[in-house]
Amino acid sequence: MLISSIKNYENILKFFPQLDIIFDFLLNNISNQTVDGRYCITKDIYAIVSTSAPKPKKEQFLEAHKKYVDLQYVISNTDNIGWKFLDKSFRTYKKYNRKDDITFYKNKPDLFFKLKKEEFVVLFPEDTHIPLCNLKPVKKCIVKIPKEYLGGRVK
């Protein structure tokens, strides 16, 4: 997991130059006025802009993705996100859905962190997370990046 601010993107690019196209997209296309919807960045990378209400406690389950790395960027308000590293002790709540690339788990997060406007988190396949644990709606841009794009191996 990597947490930072869009203001720090030049330093992030020193370690992850592949994110250049994504930061360019965020800086030049995403604002409070961006309409909710799906946006194509490349043939394989896309973004989803959405304004979401907080998740009720009973719907807060850790989730993980096998094929994609998530870059979750806050456009307005804040997002409280739970996190826990995925290991063999996890108990499945909903089995892997190949179409949506998501598995839900019963385990509880080890920590929570808050993302404010213009901050982002990069969540790798081993980073289970619960987004939208906040009190107010949040507008975010979630960029779906194939893990191979960042050097991840296909299993």
Protein backbone atom coordinates (compact mmCIF):
# COMPACT_ATOMS: atom_id res chain seq x y z
CA MET A 1 0.00 0.00 0.00
CA LEU A 2 1.12 3.50 -0.79
CA ILE A 3 -0.56 6.63 0.60
CA SER A 4 0.31 10.10 -0.63
CA SER A 5 -0.96 13.37 -2.08
CA ILE A 6 -1.29 14.32 -5.73
CA LYS A 7 1.03 17.22 -4.79
CA ASN A 8 3.77 14.59 -4.33
CA TYR A 9 3.28 12.90 -7.71
CA GLU A 10 6.71 13.87 -9.08
CA ASN A 11 8.45 12.05 -6.22
CA ILE A 12 6.18 9.01 -6.63
CA LEU A 13 7.12 8.84 -10.32
CA LYS A 14 10.78 8.34 -9.36
CA PHE A 15 9.76 4.96 -7.93
CA PHE A 16 6.77 4.14 -10.15
CA PRO A 17 7.30 5.83 -13.54
CA GLN A 18 4.46 3.70 -14.96
CA LEU A 19 2.00 5.88 -13.01
CA ASP A 20 2.81 8.89 -15.22
CA ILE A 21 -0.19 8.35 -17.49
CA ILE A 22 -2.47 7.99 -14.46
CA PHE A 23 -1.26 11.15 -12.72
CA ASP A 24 -1.56 13.00 -16.03
CA PHE A 25 -5.17 11.81 -16.28
CA LEU A 26 -5.99 12.84 -12.70
CA LEU A 27 -4.34 16.26 -12.96
CA ASN A 28 -5.88 17.15 -16.33
CA ASN A 29 -9.30 15.51 -16.22
CA ILE A 30 -10.54 15.12 -12.65
CA SER A 31 -12.20 17.87 -10.60
CA ASN A 32 -15.33 18.49 -8.53
CA GLN A 33 -17.14 19.09 -11.84
CA THR A 34 -16.21 15.69 -13.30
CA VAL A 35 -19.38 13.70 -13.96
CA ASP A 36 -19.71 10.33 -12.25
CA GLY A 37 -18.99 7.52 -14.70
CA ARG A 38 -16.37 5.29 -16.28
CA TYR A 39 -13.42 6.80 -18.16
CA CYS A 40 -10.96 5.00 -20.43
CA ILE A 41 -7.32 5.94 -19.84
CA THR A 42 -5.72 3.25 -22.03
CA LYS A 43 -6.90 -0.01 -23.53
CA ASP A 44 -6.34 -1.75 -20.18
CA ILE A 45 -6.53 1.04 -17.58
CA TYR A 46 -9.78 2.75 -16.67
CA ALA A 47 -11.16 5.07 -14.01
CA ILE A 48 -14.48 5.18 -12.21
CA VAL A 49 -15.62 8.51 -10.79
CA SER A 50 -18.36 8.12 -8.21
CA THR A 51 -20.04 10.00 -5.42
CA SER A 52 -20.79 7.41 -2.76
CA ALA A 53 -22.69 7.40 0.50
CA PRO A 54 -21.02 5.86 3.55
CA LYS A 55 -21.35 2.09 3.90
CA PRO A 56 -23.57 0.98 6.78
CA LYS A 57 -21.62 -1.01 9.41
CA LYS A 58 -23.36 -4.26 8.41
CA GLU A 59 -22.06 -3.85 4.82
CA GLN A 60 -18.46 -3.12 5.80
CA PHE A 61 -16.44 -6.14 4.67
CA LEU A 62 -12.80 -6.24 3.65
CA GLU A 63 -12.39 -6.59 -0.11
CA ALA A 64 -9.49 -7.61 -2.33
CA HIS A 65 -8.81 -7.72 -6.07
CA LYS A 66 -6.72 -10.31 -7.94
CA LYS A 67 -6.28 -8.74 -11.39
CA TYR A 68 -6.19 -5.03 -10.62
CA VAL A 69 -4.32 -2.58 -8.42
CA ASP A 70 -6.60 0.22 -7.19
CA LEU A 71 -5.50 3.83 -7.08
CA GLN A 72 -8.22 5.55 -5.05
CA TYR A 73 -8.10 9.34 -5.31
CA VAL A 74 -10.34 11.60 -3.23
CA ILE A 75 -11.91 14.44 -5.22
CA SER A 76 -13.99 15.95 -2.43
CA ASN A 77 -14.67 15.34 1.28
CA THR A 78 -12.80 12.51 3.01
CA ASP A 79 -12.78 8.72 2.94
CA ASN A 80 -12.03 6.58 5.97
CA ILE A 81 -10.62 3.26 4.81
CA GLY A 82 -9.95 0.09 6.79
CA TRP A 83 -6.92 -2.05 5.85
CA LYS A 84 -5.46 -5.48 6.61
CA PHE A 85 -2.76 -7.49 4.82
CA LEU A 86 -4.21 -10.57 3.13
CA ASP A 87 -2.91 -13.87 4.51
CA LYS A 88 -4.00 -17.51 4.76
CA SER A 89 -6.04 -16.88 7.93
CA PHE A 90 -8.72 -14.91 6.05
CA ARG A 91 -12.31 -16.14 6.15
CA THR A 92 -14.27 -15.61 2.94
CA TYR A 93 -17.60 -13.81 3.13
CA LYS A 94 -18.32 -13.81 -0.63
CA LYS A 95 -16.25 -15.93 -3.03
CA TYR A 96 -14.22 -14.38 -5.82
CA ASN A 97 -16.35 -12.76 -8.52
CA ARG A 98 -14.26 -12.93 -11.70
CA LYS A 99 -16.40 -10.40 -13.59
CA ASP A 100 -16.04 -7.72 -10.89
CA ASP A 101 -12.56 -8.91 -9.73
CA ILE A 102 -13.52 -8.90 -6.07
CA THR A 103 -13.56 -11.14 -3.01
CA PHE A 104 -15.10 -10.12 0.32
CA TYR A 105 -13.76 -11.30 3.70
CA LYS A 106 -15.19 -11.52 7.23
CA ASN A 107 -11.94 -10.46 8.93
CA LYS A 108 -11.67 -7.11 10.67
CA PRO A 109 -9.19 -4.41 9.56
CA ASP A 110 -5.97 -3.88 11.52
CA LEU A 111 -6.09 -0.12 11.01
CA PHE A 112 -8.08 2.75 9.56
CA PHE A 113 -6.72 5.79 7.74
CA LYS A 114 -8.32 8.94 6.39
CA LEU A 115 -7.82 10.23 2.85
CA LYS A 116 -8.56 13.92 2.35
CA LYS A 117 -9.16 15.86 -0.85
CA GLU A 118 -6.31 15.36 -3.37
CA GLU A 119 -4.87 12.39 -1.45
CA PHE A 120 -4.72 8.87 -2.82
CA VAL A 121 -3.92 5.32 -1.88
CA VAL A 122 -2.50 2.59 -4.11
CA LEU A 123 -3.87 -0.78 -3.03
CA PHE A 124 -2.12 -3.91 -4.28
CA PRO A 125 -3.85 -7.34 -4.47
CA GLU A 126 -2.66 -8.24 -0.94
CA ASP A 127 -4.08 -5.02 0.53
CA THR A 128 -7.59 -5.85 1.67
CA HIS A 129 -9.59 -2.74 2.35
CA ILE A 130 -12.98 -1.34 3.36
CA PRO A 131 -13.67 2.01 1.69
CA LEU A 132 -16.45 4.43 2.61
CA CYS A 133 -16.31 4.03 6.41
CA ASN A 134 -17.09 7.74 6.76
CA LEU A 135 -20.02 9.79 7.95
CA LYS A 136 -20.56 11.85 4.79
CA PRO A 137 -20.66 11.08 1.06
CA VAL A 138 -17.31 11.21 -0.74
CA LYS A 139 -16.46 11.81 -4.39
CA LYS A 140 -13.59 9.62 -5.59
CA CYS A 141 -11.82 8.51 -8.70
CA ILE A 142 -10.83 4.85 -8.60
CA VAL A 143 -8.29 3.92 -11.24
CA LYS A 144 -8.15 0.21 -12.08
CA ILE A 145 -4.62 -0.75 -13.11
CA PRO A 146 -3.77 -4.30 -14.28
CA LYS A 147 -1.19 -5.59 -11.81
CA GLU A 148 1.10 -6.61 -14.70
CA TYR A 149 1.37 -2.92 -15.62
CA LEU A 150 3.19 -2.30 -12.34
CA GLY A 151 5.30 -5.44 -12.63
CA GLY A 152 3.06 -7.87 -10.78
CA ARG A 153 3.07 -11.53 -11.78
CA VAL A 154 -0.04 -13.26 -13.08
CA LYS A 155 -1.09 -16.28 -11.03
